[in-house]
């Protein structure tokens, strides 16, 4: 079980959910809509991992979170890169072998958040 689950806020959360599913292969586990065009809470899964997201303007008054990135460990880096590129993801770092082991690439989602995908597993 994943004990740390990243959460992101998006200006257009419905579009972000579609993008993350189409480009990066996530699946919707739970989506809780709010006012029209708003998402109160969503859970997306990829393999045995999860990210949560919501709309940036929420009834609680929360603002968009500070910039950061999410790293996802996977086996087929090049296949995933091809899928993301074909779906229109902005590729920031092309796939390459890393000095510290593994292979990886980086892309931005529909609102500019940086996502890193690689075969390097820091737990190994």
PDB file of N, CA and C in Angstrom:
ATOM      1  N   UNK A   1       0.839  -1.181   0.000  1.00  0.00           N
ATOM      2  CA  UNK A   1       0.000   0.000   0.000  1.00  0.00           C
ATOM      3  C   UNK A   1       0.880   1.239   0.000  1.00  0.00           C
ATOM      4  N   UNK A   2       0.556   2.165  -0.844  1.00  0.00           N
ATOM      5  CA  UNK A   2       1.273   3.439  -0.943  1.00  0.00           C
ATOM      6  C   UNK A   2       0.907   4.282   0.271  1.00  0.00           C
ATOM      7  N   UNK A   3       1.907   4.744   1.033  1.00  0.00           N
ATOM      8  CA  UNK A   3       1.605   5.504   2.249  1.00  0.00           C
ATOM      9  C   UNK A   3       1.718   7.011   2.070  1.00  0.00           C
ATOM     10  N   UNK A   4       2.314   7.472   0.991  1.00  0.00           N
ATOM     11  CA  UNK A   4       2.352   8.893   0.665  1.00  0.00           C
ATOM     12  C   UNK A   4       1.689   9.041  -0.691  1.00  0.00           C
ATOM     13  N   UNK A   5       0.602   9.809  -0.728  1.00  0.00           N
ATOM     14  CA  UNK A   5      -0.149   9.974  -1.966  1.00  0.00           C
ATOM     15  C   UNK A   5      -0.093  11.438  -2.372  1.00  0.00           C
ATOM     16  N   UNK A   6       0.567  11.759  -3.485  1.00  0.00           N
ATOM     17  CA  UNK A   6       0.651  13.156  -3.926  1.00  0.00           C
ATOM     18  C   UNK A   6      -0.726  13.698  -4.283  1.00  0.00           C
ATOM     19  N   UNK A   7      -0.929  14.972  -4.024  1.00  0.00           N
ATOM     20  CA  UNK A   7      -2.158  15.653  -4.398  1.00  0.00           C
ATOM     21  C   UNK A   7      -1.833  16.911  -5.183  1.00  0.00           C
ATOM     22  N   UNK A   8      -2.582  17.166  -6.236  1.00  0.00           N
ATOM     23  CA  UNK A   8      -2.359  18.324  -7.090  1.00  0.00           C
ATOM     24  C   UNK A   8      -3.657  19.101  -7.239  1.00  0.00           C
ATOM     25  N   UNK A   9      -3.536  20.410  -7.443  1.00  0.00           N
ATOM     26  CA  UNK A   9      -4.694  21.245  -7.722  1.00  0.00           C
ATOM     27  C   UNK A   9      -4.564  21.813  -9.124  1.00  0.00           C
ATOM     28  N   UNK A  10      -5.680  21.840  -9.857  1.00  0.00           N
ATOM     29  CA  UNK A  10      -5.683  22.289 -11.248  1.00  0.00           C
ATOM     30  C   UNK A  10      -6.739  23.368 -11.460  1.00  0.00           C
ATOM     31  N   UNK A  11      -6.419  24.307 -12.332  1.00  0.00           N
ATOM     32  CA  UNK A  11      -7.403  25.316 -12.741  1.00  0.00           C
ATOM     33  C   UNK A  11      -8.575  24.641 -13.444  1.00  0.00           C
ATOM     34  N   UNK A  12      -8.288  23.684 -14.308  1.00  0.00           N
ATOM     35  CA  UNK A  12      -9.318  22.939 -15.027  1.00  0.00           C
ATOM     36  C   UNK A  12      -9.143  21.453 -14.705  1.00  0.00           C
ATOM     37  N   UNK A  13      -9.628  21.042 -13.547  1.00  0.00           N
ATOM     38  CA  UNK A  13      -9.443  19.661 -13.089  1.00  0.00           C
ATOM     39  C   UNK A  13     -10.088  18.628 -14.017  1.00  0.00           C
ATOM     40  N   UNK A  14     -11.307  18.870 -14.559  1.00  0.00           N
ATOM     41  CA  UNK A  14     -11.852  17.873 -15.486  1.00  0.00           C
ATOM     42  C   UNK A  14     -10.941  17.636 -16.699  1.00  0.00           C
ATOM     43  N   UNK A  15     -10.379  18.699 -17.255  1.00  0.00           N
ATOM     44  CA  UNK A  15      -9.461  18.547 -18.396  1.00  0.00           C
ATOM     45  C   UNK A  15      -8.177  17.848 -17.962  1.00  0.00           C
ATOM     46  N   UNK A  16      -7.704  18.129 -16.752  1.00  0.00           N
ATOM     47  CA  UNK A  16      -6.490  17.484 -16.248  1.00  0.00           C
ATOM     48  C   UNK A  16      -6.709  15.984 -16.094  1.00  0.00           C
ATOM     49  N   UNK A  17      -7.870  15.589 -15.583  1.00  0.00           N
ATOM     50  CA  UNK A  17      -8.174  14.163 -15.434  1.00  0.00           C
ATOM     51  C   UNK A  17      -8.137  13.479 -16.792  1.00  0.00           C
ATOM     52  N   UNK A  18      -8.778  14.081 -17.779  1.00  0.00           N
ATOM     53  CA  UNK A  18      -8.783  13.503 -19.128  1.00  0.00           C
ATOM     54  C   UNK A  18      -7.367  13.389 -19.676  1.00  0.00           C
ATOM     55  N   UNK A  19      -6.572  14.448 -19.514  1.00  0.00           N
ATOM     56  CA  UNK A  19      -5.200  14.445 -20.010  1.00  0.00           C
ATOM     57  C   UNK A  19      -4.377  13.355 -19.321  1.00  0.00           C
ATOM     58  N   UNK A  20      -4.438  13.278 -18.001  1.00  0.00           N
ATOM     59  CA  UNK A  20      -3.637  12.292 -17.256  1.00  0.00           C
ATOM     60  C   UNK A  20      -4.009  10.870 -17.650  1.00  0.00           C
ATOM     61  N   UNK A  21      -5.284  10.633 -17.907  1.00  0.00           N
ATOM     62  CA  UNK A  21      -5.718   9.298 -18.343  1.00  0.00           C
ATOM     63  C   UNK A  21      -5.277   9.013 -19.779  1.00  0.00           C
ATOM     64  N   UNK A  22      -5.479   9.965 -20.677  1.00  0.00           N
ATOM     65  CA  UNK A  22      -5.131   9.758 -22.088  1.00  0.00           C
ATOM     66  C   UNK A  22      -3.628   9.700 -22.314  1.00  0.00           C
ATOM     67  N   UNK A  23      -2.886  10.636 -21.740  1.00  0.00           N
ATOM     68  CA  UNK A  23      -1.450  10.753 -22.039  1.00  0.00           C
ATOM     69  C   UNK A  23      -0.581   9.861 -21.172  1.00  0.00           C
ATOM     70  N   UNK A  24      -0.915   9.744 -19.882  1.00  0.00           N
ATOM     71  CA  UNK A  24      -0.034   9.037 -18.970  1.00  0.00           C
ATOM     72  C   UNK A  24      -0.579   7.684 -18.518  1.00  0.00           C
ATOM     73  N   UNK A  25      -1.782   7.324 -18.955  1.00  0.00           N
ATOM     74  CA  UNK A  25      -2.309   5.995 -18.672  1.00  0.00           C
ATOM     75  C   UNK A  25      -2.983   5.817 -17.329  1.00  0.00           C
ATOM     76  N   UNK A  26      -3.327   6.912 -16.656  1.00  0.00           N
ATOM     77  CA  UNK A  26      -4.036   6.791 -15.382  1.00  0.00           C
ATOM     78  C   UNK A  26      -5.460   6.295 -15.622  1.00  0.00           C
ATOM     79  N   UNK A  27      -6.072   5.762 -14.570  1.00  0.00           N
ATOM     80  CA  UNK A  27      -7.477   5.349 -14.598  1.00  0.00           C
ATOM     81  C   UNK A  27      -8.194   6.041 -13.450  1.00  0.00           C
ATOM     82  N   UNK A  28      -9.425   6.455 -13.717  1.00  0.00           N
ATOM     83  CA  UNK A  28     -10.229   7.082 -12.674  1.00  0.00           C
ATOM     84  C   UNK A  28     -10.661   6.023 -11.669  1.00  0.00           C
ATOM     85  N   UNK A  29     -10.351   6.251 -10.398  1.00  0.00           N
ATOM     86  CA  UNK A  29     -10.843   5.376  -9.345  1.00  0.00           C
ATOM     87  C   UNK A  29     -12.057   6.008  -8.668  1.00  0.00           C
ATOM     88  N   UNK A  30     -11.981   7.332  -8.454  1.00  0.00           N
ATOM     89  CA  UNK A  30     -13.070   8.074  -7.828  1.00  0.00           C
ATOM     90  C   UNK A  30     -12.993   9.517  -8.295  1.00  0.00           C
ATOM     91  N   UNK A  31     -14.116  10.075  -8.723  1.00  0.00           N
ATOM     92  CA  UNK A  31     -14.185  11.485  -9.105  1.00  0.00           C
ATOM     93  C   UNK A  31     -15.437  12.062  -8.442  1.00  0.00           C
ATOM     94  N   UNK A  32     -15.241  13.080  -7.597  1.00  0.00           N
ATOM     95  CA  UNK A  32     -16.343  13.724  -6.892  1.00  0.00           C
ATOM     96  C   UNK A  32     -16.515  15.131  -7.462  1.00  0.00           C
ATOM     97  N   UNK A  33     -17.540  15.324  -8.292  1.00  0.00           N
ATOM     98  CA  UNK A  33     -17.749  16.653  -8.869  1.00  0.00           C
ATOM     99  C   UNK A  33     -18.295  17.636  -7.841  1.00  0.00           C
ATOM    100  N   UNK A  34     -18.037  18.909  -8.093  1.00  0.00           N
ATOM    101  CA  UNK A  34     -18.584  19.981  -7.268  1.00  0.00           C
ATOM    102  C   UNK A  34     -19.504  20.816  -8.132  1.00  0.00           C
ATOM    103  N   UNK A  35     -19.352  22.130  -8.017  1.00  0.00           N
ATOM    104  CA  UNK A  35     -20.102  23.041  -8.896  1.00  0.00           C
ATOM    105  C   UNK A  35     -19.735  22.703 -10.342  1.00  0.00           C
ATOM    106  N   UNK A  36     -20.558  23.124 -11.309  1.00  0.00           N
ATOM    107  CA  UNK A  36     -20.239  22.823 -12.715  1.00  0.00           C
ATOM    108  C   UNK A  36     -18.789  23.196 -13.070  1.00  0.00           C
ATOM    109  N   UNK A  37     -18.099  22.227 -13.667  1.00  0.00           N
ATOM    110  CA  UNK A  37     -16.712  22.446 -14.081  1.00  0.00           C
ATOM    111  C   UNK A  37     -15.695  22.318 -12.956  1.00  0.00           C
ATOM    112  N   UNK A  38     -16.123  21.941 -11.767  1.00  0.00           N
ATOM    113  CA  UNK A  38     -15.224  21.830 -10.609  1.00  0.00           C
ATOM    114  C   UNK A  38     -15.152  20.376 -10.133  1.00  0.00           C
ATOM    115  N   UNK A  39     -14.015  20.018  -9.584  1.00  0.00           N
ATOM    116  CA  UNK A  39     -13.819  18.705  -8.987  1.00  0.00           C
ATOM    117  C   UNK A  39     -13.455  18.915  -7.516  1.00  0.00           C
ATOM    118  N   UNK A  40     -14.267  18.359  -6.623  1.00  0.00           N
ATOM    119  CA  UNK A  40     -13.968  18.463  -5.197  1.00  0.00           C
ATOM    120  C   UNK A  40     -12.821  17.535  -4.814  1.00  0.00           C
ATOM    121  N   UNK A  41     -12.830  16.331  -5.398  1.00  0.00           N
ATOM    122  CA  UNK A  41     -11.794  15.347  -5.073  1.00  0.00           C
ATOM    123  C   UNK A  41     -11.790  14.287  -6.161  1.00  0.00           C
ATOM    124  N   UNK A  42     -10.584  13.873  -6.573  1.00  0.00           N
ATOM    125  CA  UNK A  42     -10.458  12.773  -7.529  1.00  0.00           C
ATOM    126  C   UNK A  42      -9.278  11.907  -7.136  1.00  0.00           C
ATOM    127  N   UNK A  43      -9.415  10.622  -7.409  1.00  0.00           N
ATOM    128  CA  UNK A  43      -8.346   9.658  -7.189  1.00  0.00           C
ATOM    129  C   UNK A  43      -8.100   8.944  -8.510  1.00  0.00           C
ATOM    130  N   UNK A  44      -6.862   9.037  -8.991  1.00  0.00           N
ATOM    131  CA  UNK A  44      -6.466   8.376 -10.231  1.00  0.00           C
ATOM    132  C   UNK A  44      -5.399   7.354  -9.907  1.00  0.00           C
ATOM    133  N   UNK A  45      -5.454   6.198 -10.561  1.00  0.00           N
ATOM    134  CA  UNK A  45      -4.487   5.149 -10.295  1.00  0.00           C
ATOM    135  C   UNK A  45      -3.673   4.817 -11.539  1.00  0.00           C
ATOM    136  N   UNK A  46      -2.462   4.351 -11.292  1.00  0.00           N
ATOM    137  CA  UNK A  46      -1.565   3.857 -12.335  1.00  0.00           C
ATOM    138  C   UNK A  46      -0.824   2.685 -11.721  1.00  0.00           C
ATOM    139  N   UNK A  47      -1.126   1.489 -12.168  1.00  0.00           N
ATOM    140  CA  UNK A  47      -0.570   0.319 -11.514  1.00  0.00           C
ATOM    141  C   UNK A  47      -1.073   0.285 -10.074  1.00  0.00           C
ATOM    142  N   UNK A  48      -0.182   0.103  -9.138  1.00  0.00           N
ATOM    143  CA  UNK A  48      -0.557   0.089  -7.729  1.00  0.00           C
ATOM    144  C   UNK A  48      -0.383   1.427  -7.051  1.00  0.00           C
ATOM    145  N   UNK A  49      -0.318   2.501  -7.825  1.00  0.00           N
ATOM    146  CA  UNK A  49      -0.066   3.829  -7.264  1.00  0.00           C
ATOM    147  C   UNK A  49      -1.256   4.751  -7.497  1.00  0.00           C
ATOM    148  N   UNK A  50      -1.283   5.842  -6.732  1.00  0.00           N
ATOM    149  CA  UNK A  50      -2.395   6.772  -6.814  1.00  0.00           C
ATOM    150  C   UNK A  50      -1.916   8.203  -6.670  1.00  0.00           C
ATOM    151  N   UNK A  51      -2.595   9.106  -7.375  1.00  0.00           N
ATOM    152  CA  UNK A  51      -2.491  10.543  -7.135  1.00  0.00           C
ATOM    153  C   UNK A  51      -3.911  11.044  -6.892  1.00  0.00           C
ATOM    154  N   UNK A  52      -4.016  12.091  -6.094  1.00  0.00           N
ATOM    155  CA  UNK A  52      -5.300  12.723  -5.854  1.00  0.00           C
ATOM    156  C   UNK A  52      -5.234  14.124  -6.444  1.00  0.00           C
ATOM    157  N   UNK A  53      -6.376  14.649  -6.871  1.00  0.00           N
ATOM    158  CA  UNK A  53      -6.386  16.011  -7.389  1.00  0.00           C
ATOM    159  C   UNK A  53      -7.740  16.647  -7.156  1.00  0.00           C
ATOM    160  N   UNK A  54      -7.759  17.968  -7.299  1.00  0.00           N
ATOM    161  CA  UNK A  54      -8.997  18.726  -7.158  1.00  0.00           C
ATOM    162  C   UNK A  54      -8.873  20.015  -7.952  1.00  0.00           C
ATOM    163  N   UNK A  55      -9.978  20.741  -8.023  1.00  0.00           N
ATOM    164  CA  UNK A  55      -9.946  22.064  -8.648  1.00  0.00           C
ATOM    165  C   UNK A  55      -9.199  23.026  -7.738  1.00  0.00           C
ATOM    166  N   UNK A  56      -8.485  23.979  -8.356  1.00  0.00           N
ATOM    167  CA  UNK A  56      -7.689  24.935  -7.577  1.00  0.00           C
ATOM    168  C   UNK A  56      -8.571  25.873  -6.773  1.00  0.00           C
ATOM    169  N   UNK A  57      -9.727  26.253  -7.301  1.00  0.00           N
ATOM    170  CA  UNK A  57     -10.629  27.109  -6.536  1.00  0.00           C
ATOM    171  C   UNK A  57     -11.687  26.220  -5.903  1.00  0.00           C
ATOM    172  N   UNK A  58     -11.580  26.051  -4.609  1.00  0.00           N
ATOM    173  CA  UNK A  58     -12.472  25.159  -3.880  1.00  0.00           C
ATOM    174  C   UNK A  58     -13.227  25.956  -2.827  1.00  0.00           C
ATOM    175  N   UNK A  59     -14.344  25.453  -2.367  1.00  0.00           N
ATOM    176  CA  UNK A  59     -15.112  26.160  -1.337  1.00  0.00           C
ATOM    177  C   UNK A  59     -14.303  26.485  -0.094  1.00  0.00           C
ATOM    178  N   UNK A  60     -13.286  25.684   0.207  1.00  0.00           N
ATOM    179  CA  UNK A  60     -12.470  25.929   1.397  1.00  0.00           C
ATOM    180  C   UNK A  60     -11.543  27.120   1.222  1.00  0.00           C
ATOM    181  N   UNK A  61     -11.433  27.645  -0.016  1.00  0.00           N
ATOM    182  CA  UNK A  61     -10.591  28.801  -0.271  1.00  0.00           C
ATOM    183  C   UNK A  61      -9.137  28.456  -0.526  1.00  0.00           C
ATOM    184  N   UNK A  62      -8.815  27.158  -0.632  1.00  0.00           N
ATOM    185  CA  UNK A  62      -7.438  26.762  -0.891  1.00  0.00           C
ATOM    186  C   UNK A  62      -6.976  27.306  -2.233  1.00  0.00           C
ATOM    187  N   UNK A  63      -5.720  27.710  -2.288  1.00  0.00           N
ATOM    188  CA  UNK A  63      -5.138  28.210  -3.531  1.00  0.00           C
ATOM    189  C   UNK A  63      -4.323  27.101  -4.186  1.00  0.00           C
ATOM    190  N   UNK A  64      -3.893  27.348  -5.412  1.00  0.00           N
ATOM    191  CA  UNK A  64      -3.070  26.368  -6.109  1.00  0.00           C
ATOM    192  C   UNK A  64      -1.770  26.136  -5.348  1.00  0.00           C
ATOM    193  N   UNK A  65      -1.394  24.889  -5.238  1.00  0.00           N
ATOM    194  CA  UNK A  65      -0.188  24.513  -4.511  1.00  0.00           C
ATOM    195  C   UNK A  65       1.069  24.979  -5.241  1.00  0.00           C
ATOM    196  N   UNK A  66       2.169  25.029  -4.514  1.00  0.00           N
ATOM    197  CA  UNK A  66       3.451  25.426  -5.087  1.00  0.00           C
ATOM    198  C   UNK A  66       3.933  24.377  -6.082  1.00  0.00           C
ATOM    199  N   UNK A  67       4.831  24.776  -6.976  1.00  0.00           N
ATOM    200  CA  UNK A  67       5.359  23.878  -7.994  1.00  0.00           C
ATOM    201  C   UNK A  67       6.144  22.733  -7.357  1.00  0.00           C
ATOM    202  N   UNK A  68       6.140  21.619  -8.006  1.00  0.00           N
ATOM    203  CA  UNK A  68       6.876  20.439  -7.582  1.00  0.00           C
ATOM    204  C   UNK A  68       6.846  19.453  -8.736  1.00  0.00           C
ATOM    205  N   UNK A  69       7.119  18.194  -8.447  1.00  0.00           N
ATOM    206  CA  UNK A  69       7.017  17.184  -9.486  1.00  0.00           C
ATOM    207  C   UNK A  69       6.665  15.848  -8.858  1.00  0.00           C
ATOM    208  N   UNK A  70       6.229  14.944  -9.700  1.00  0.00           N
ATOM    209  CA  UNK A  70       5.894  13.595  -9.274  1.00  0.00           C
ATOM    210  C   UNK A  70       6.748  12.641 -10.097  1.00  0.00           C
ATOM    211  N   UNK A  71       7.344  11.660  -9.415  1.00  0.00           N
ATOM    212  CA  UNK A  71       8.151  10.640 -10.078  1.00  0.00           C
ATOM    213  C   UNK A  71       7.423   9.311  -9.980  1.00  0.00           C
ATOM    214  N   UNK A  72       7.288   8.628 -11.109  1.00  0.00           N
ATOM    215  CA  UNK A  72       6.609   7.338 -11.157  1.00  0.00           C
ATOM    216  C   UNK A  72       7.557   6.296 -11.729  1.00  0.00           C
ATOM    217  N   UNK A  73       7.752   5.217 -10.964  1.00  0.00           N
ATOM    218  CA  UNK A  73       8.617   4.115 -11.376  1.00  0.00           C
ATOM    219  C   UNK A  73       7.831   3.193 -12.302  1.00  0.00           C
ATOM    220  N   UNK A  74       8.443   2.811 -13.422  1.00  0.00           N
ATOM    221  CA  UNK A  74       7.796   1.912 -14.381  1.00  0.00           C
ATOM    222  C   UNK A  74       8.841   1.134 -15.154  1.00  0.00           C
ATOM    223  N   UNK A  75       8.393   0.047 -15.782  1.00  0.00           N
ATOM    224  CA  UNK A  75       9.296  -0.797 -16.559  1.00  0.00           C
ATOM    225  C   UNK A  75       9.473  -0.306 -17.989  1.00  0.00           C
ATOM    226  N   UNK A  76       8.381   0.002 -18.683  1.00  0.00           N
ATOM    227  CA  UNK A  76       8.429   0.341 -20.103  1.00  0.00           C
ATOM    228  C   UNK A  76       8.466   1.857 -20.313  1.00  0.00           C
ATOM    229  N   UNK A  77       9.606   2.455 -20.046  1.00  0.00           N
ATOM    230  CA  UNK A  77       9.754   3.906 -20.154  1.00  0.00           C
ATOM    231  C   UNK A  77       9.532   4.383 -21.586  1.00  0.00           C
ATOM    232  N   UNK A  78      10.131   3.703 -22.550  1.00  0.00           N
ATOM    233  CA  UNK A  78      10.029   4.147 -23.939  1.00  0.00           C
ATOM    234  C   UNK A  78       8.601   4.006 -24.479  1.00  0.00           C
ATOM    235  N   UNK A  79       7.907   2.944 -24.117  1.00  0.00           N
ATOM    236  CA  UNK A  79       6.517   2.777 -24.528  1.00  0.00           C
ATOM    237  C   UNK A  79       5.627   3.848 -23.909  1.00  0.00           C
ATOM    238  N   UNK A  80       5.884   4.167 -22.656  1.00  0.00           N
ATOM    239  CA  UNK A  80       5.096   5.198 -21.975  1.00  0.00           C
ATOM    240  C   UNK A  80       5.372   6.562 -22.598  1.00  0.00           C
ATOM    241  N   UNK A  81       6.621   6.835 -22.899  1.00  0.00           N
ATOM    242  CA  UNK A  81       7.001   8.088 -23.573  1.00  0.00           C
ATOM    243  C   UNK A  81       6.246   8.234 -24.895  1.00  0.00           C
ATOM    244  N   UNK A  82       6.209   7.164 -25.680  1.00  0.00           N
ATOM    245  CA  UNK A  82       5.522   7.202 -26.974  1.00  0.00           C
ATOM    246  C   UNK A  82       4.047   7.535 -26.779  1.00  0.00           C
ATOM    247  N   UNK A  83       3.406   6.911 -25.809  1.00  0.00           N
ATOM    248  CA  UNK A  83       1.988   7.177 -25.542  1.00  0.00           C
ATOM    249  C   UNK A  83       1.770   8.640 -25.160  1.00  0.00           C
ATOM    250  N   UNK A  84       2.597   9.144 -24.249  1.00  0.00           N
ATOM    251  CA  UNK A  84       2.461  10.528 -23.791  1.00  0.00           C
ATOM    252  C   UNK A  84       2.662  11.507 -24.942  1.00  0.00           C
ATOM    253  N   UNK A  85       3.672  11.264 -25.750  1.00  0.00           N
ATOM    254  CA  UNK A  85       3.955  12.153 -26.882  1.00  0.00           C
ATOM    255  C   UNK A  85       2.814  12.141 -27.886  1.00  0.00           C
ATOM    256  N   UNK A  86       2.291  10.960 -28.204  1.00  0.00           N
ATOM    257  CA  UNK A  86       1.187  10.853 -29.155  1.00  0.00           C
ATOM    258  C   UNK A  86      -0.077  11.543 -28.635  1.00  0.00           C
ATOM    259  N   UNK A  87      -0.242  11.601 -27.311  1.00  0.00           N
ATOM    260  CA  UNK A  87      -1.416  12.240 -26.714  1.00  0.00           C
ATOM    261  C   UNK A  87      -1.225  13.747 -26.552  1.00  0.00           C
ATOM    262  N   UNK A  88      -0.060  14.261 -26.969  1.00  0.00           N
ATOM    263  CA  UNK A  88       0.166  15.702 -26.944  1.00  0.00           C
ATOM    264  C   UNK A  88       0.853  16.232 -25.707  1.00  0.00           C
ATOM    265  N   UNK A  89       1.422  15.365 -24.884  1.00  0.00           N
ATOM    266  CA  UNK A  89       2.152  15.838 -23.708  1.00  0.00           C
ATOM    267  C   UNK A  89       3.365  16.648 -24.146  1.00  0.00           C
ATOM    268  N   UNK A  90       3.661  17.697 -23.395  1.00  0.00           N
ATOM    269  CA  UNK A  90       4.867  18.488 -23.649  1.00  0.00           C
ATOM    270  C   UNK A  90       6.048  17.714 -23.070  1.00  0.00           C
ATOM    271  N   UNK A  91       6.893  17.189 -23.929  1.00  0.00           N
ATOM    272  CA  UNK A  91       8.058  16.430 -23.479  1.00  0.00           C
ATOM    273  C   UNK A  91       9.163  17.419 -23.133  1.00  0.00           C
ATOM    274  N   UNK A  92       9.592  17.392 -21.881  1.00  0.00           N
ATOM    275  CA  UNK A  92      10.627  18.305 -21.402  1.00  0.00           C
ATOM    276  C   UNK A  92      11.998  17.648 -21.488  1.00  0.00           C
ATOM    277  N   UNK A  93      12.054  16.405 -21.101  1.00  0.00           N
ATOM    278  CA  UNK A  93      13.303  15.642 -21.129  1.00  0.00           C
ATOM    279  C   UNK A  93      13.039  14.332 -21.865  1.00  0.00           C
ATOM    280  N   UNK A  94      13.699  14.135 -23.015  1.00  0.00           N
ATOM    281  CA  UNK A  94      13.531  12.911 -23.791  1.00  0.00           C
ATOM    282  C   UNK A  94      14.070  11.720 -23.000  1.00  0.00           C
ATOM    283  N   UNK A  95      13.605  10.512 -23.309  1.00  0.00           N
ATOM    284  CA  UNK A  95      14.108   9.334 -22.604  1.00  0.00           C
ATOM    285  C   UNK A  95      15.621   9.217 -22.724  1.00  0.00           C
ATOM    286  N   UNK A  96      16.231   8.914 -21.596  1.00  0.00           N
ATOM    287  CA  UNK A  96      17.686   8.711 -21.599  1.00  0.00           C
ATOM    288  C   UNK A  96      18.076   7.865 -20.394  1.00  0.00           C
ATOM    289  N   UNK A  97      19.235   7.208 -20.512  1.00  0.00           N
ATOM    290  CA  UNK A  97      19.779   6.442 -19.398  1.00  0.00           C
ATOM    291  C   UNK A  97      20.348   7.423 -18.378  1.00  0.00           C
ATOM    292  N   UNK A  98      20.043   7.185 -17.108  1.00  0.00           N
ATOM    293  CA  UNK A  98      20.477   8.069 -16.027  1.00  0.00           C
ATOM    294  C   UNK A  98      21.828   7.621 -15.471  1.00  0.00           C
ATOM    295  N   UNK A  99      22.609   8.577 -15.012  1.00  0.00           N
ATOM    296  CA  UNK A  99      23.926   8.275 -14.450  1.00  0.00           C
ATOM    297  C   UNK A  99      23.819   7.386 -13.203  1.00  0.00           C
ATOM    298  N   UNK A 100      22.745   7.524 -12.452  1.00  0.00           N
ATOM    299  CA  UNK A 100      22.556   6.798 -11.191  1.00  0.00           C
ATOM    300  C   UNK A 100      21.791   5.490 -11.379  1.00  0.00           C
ATOM    301  N   UNK A 101      21.501   5.152 -12.632  1.00  0.00           N
ATOM    302  CA  UNK A 101      20.799   3.908 -12.939  1.00  0.00           C
ATOM    303  C   UNK A 101      19.425   4.169 -13.510  1.00  0.00           C
ATOM    304  N   UNK A 102      18.951   3.221 -14.285  1.00  0.00           N
ATOM    305  CA  UNK A 102      17.617   3.331 -14.861  1.00  0.00           C
ATOM    306  C   UNK A 102      17.563   4.231 -16.077  1.00  0.00           C
ATOM    307  N   UNK A 103      16.378   4.329 -16.616  1.00  0.00           N
ATOM    308  CA  UNK A 103      16.106   5.136 -17.797  1.00  0.00           C
ATOM    309  C   UNK A 103      14.877   5.964 -17.488  1.00  0.00           C
ATOM    310  N   UNK A 104      14.831   7.206 -17.983  1.00  0.00           N
ATOM    311  CA  UNK A 104      13.680   8.030 -17.654  1.00  0.00           C
ATOM    312  C   UNK A 104      13.450   9.165 -18.629  1.00  0.00           C
ATOM    313  N   UNK A 105      12.282   9.807 -18.481  1.00  0.00           N
ATOM    314  CA  UNK A 105      11.954  10.993 -19.266  1.00  0.00           C
ATOM    315  C   UNK A 105      11.054  11.888 -18.427  1.00  0.00           C
ATOM    316  N   UNK A 106      10.882  13.124 -18.879  1.00  0.00           N
ATOM    317  CA  UNK A 106      10.029  14.067 -18.153  1.00  0.00           C
ATOM    318  C   UNK A 106       9.066  14.761 -19.098  1.00  0.00           C
ATOM    319  N   UNK A 107       7.867  15.034 -18.585  1.00  0.00           N
ATOM    320  CA  UNK A 107       6.832  15.691 -19.382  1.00  0.00           C
ATOM    321  C   UNK A 107       6.006  16.611 -18.494  1.00  0.00           C
ATOM    322  N   UNK A 108       5.339  17.557 -19.135  1.00  0.00           N
ATOM    323  CA  UNK A 108       4.414  18.437 -18.418  1.00  0.00           C
ATOM    324  C   UNK A 108       2.985  18.033 -18.758  1.00  0.00           C
ATOM    325  N   UNK A 109       2.119  18.174 -17.756  1.00  0.00           N
ATOM    326  CA  UNK A 109       0.712  17.872 -17.995  1.00  0.00           C
ATOM    327  C   UNK A 109       0.011  19.093 -18.583  1.00  0.00           C
ATOM    328  N   UNK A 110      -1.290  19.036 -18.652  1.00  0.00           N
ATOM    329  CA  UNK A 110      -2.063  20.081 -19.331  1.00  0.00           C
ATOM    330  C   UNK A 110      -1.996  21.440 -18.644  1.00  0.00           C
ATOM    331  N   UNK A 111      -1.522  21.496 -17.379  1.00  0.00           N
ATOM    332  CA  UNK A 111      -1.384  22.782 -16.693  1.00  0.00           C
ATOM    333  C   UNK A 111       0.051  23.092 -16.288  1.00  0.00           C
ATOM    334  N   UNK A 112       1.001  22.365 -16.868  1.00  0.00           N
ATOM    335  CA  UNK A 112       2.399  22.682 -16.667  1.00  0.00           C
ATOM    336  C   UNK A 112       3.093  21.982 -15.519  1.00  0.00           C
ATOM    337  N   UNK A 113       2.404  21.082 -14.794  1.00  0.00           N
ATOM    338  CA  UNK A 113       3.071  20.327 -13.731  1.00  0.00           C
ATOM    339  C   UNK A 113       4.056  19.344 -14.352  1.00  0.00           C
ATOM    340  N   UNK A 114       5.211  19.186 -13.725  1.00  0.00           N
ATOM    341  CA  UNK A 114       6.254  18.303 -14.235  1.00  0.00           C
ATOM    342  C   UNK A 114       6.059  16.897 -13.677  1.00  0.00           C
ATOM    343  N   UNK A 115       6.075  15.916 -14.564  1.00  0.00           N
ATOM    344  CA  UNK A 115       5.976  14.508 -14.211  1.00  0.00           C
ATOM    345  C   UNK A 115       7.221  13.802 -14.734  1.00  0.00           C
ATOM    346  N   UNK A 116       7.858  13.025 -13.876  1.00  0.00           N
ATOM    347  CA  UNK A 116       9.035  12.235 -14.272  1.00  0.00           C
ATOM    348  C   UNK A 116       8.651  10.759 -14.238  1.00  0.00           C
ATOM    349  N   UNK A 117       9.028  10.031 -15.289  1.00  0.00           N
ATOM    350  CA  UNK A 117       8.737   8.604 -15.395  1.00  0.00           C
ATOM    351  C   UNK A 117      10.060   7.899 -15.622  1.00  0.00           C
ATOM    352  N   UNK A 118      10.339   6.848 -14.863  1.00  0.00           N
ATOM    353  CA  UNK A 118      11.609   6.168 -15.035  1.00  0.00           C
ATOM    354  C   UNK A 118      11.632   4.763 -14.480  1.00  0.00           C
ATOM    355  N   UNK A 119      12.650   4.020 -14.892  1.00  0.00           N
ATOM    356  CA  UNK A 119      12.817   2.653 -14.416  1.00  0.00           C
ATOM    357  C   UNK A 119      13.684   2.591 -13.154  1.00  0.00           C
ATOM    358  N   UNK A 120      14.304   3.697 -12.780  1.00  0.00           N
ATOM    359  CA  UNK A 120      15.078   3.727 -11.535  1.00  0.00           C
ATOM    360  C   UNK A 120      14.121   3.644 -10.348  1.00  0.00           C
ATOM    361  N   UNK A 121      14.367   2.670  -9.476  1.00  0.00           N
ATOM    362  CA  UNK A 121      13.538   2.501  -8.283  1.00  0.00           C
ATOM    363  C   UNK A 121      14.378   2.860  -7.056  1.00  0.00           C
ATOM    364  N   UNK A 122      14.094   3.986  -6.415  1.00  0.00           N
ATOM    365  CA  UNK A 122      14.910   4.396  -5.272  1.00  0.00           C
ATOM    366  C   UNK A 122      14.789   3.476  -4.072  1.00  0.00           C
ATOM    367  N   UNK A 123      13.793   2.571  -4.044  1.00  0.00           N
ATOM    368  CA  UNK A 123      13.634   1.621  -2.933  1.00  0.00           C
ATOM    369  C   UNK A 123      14.513   0.388  -3.103  1.00  0.00           C
ATOM    370  N   UNK A 124      15.004   0.152  -4.339  1.00  0.00           N
ATOM    371  CA  UNK A 124      15.805  -1.059  -4.596  1.00  0.00           C
ATOM    372  C   UNK A 124      17.230  -0.895  -4.123  1.00  0.00           C
TER     373      UNK A 124
END
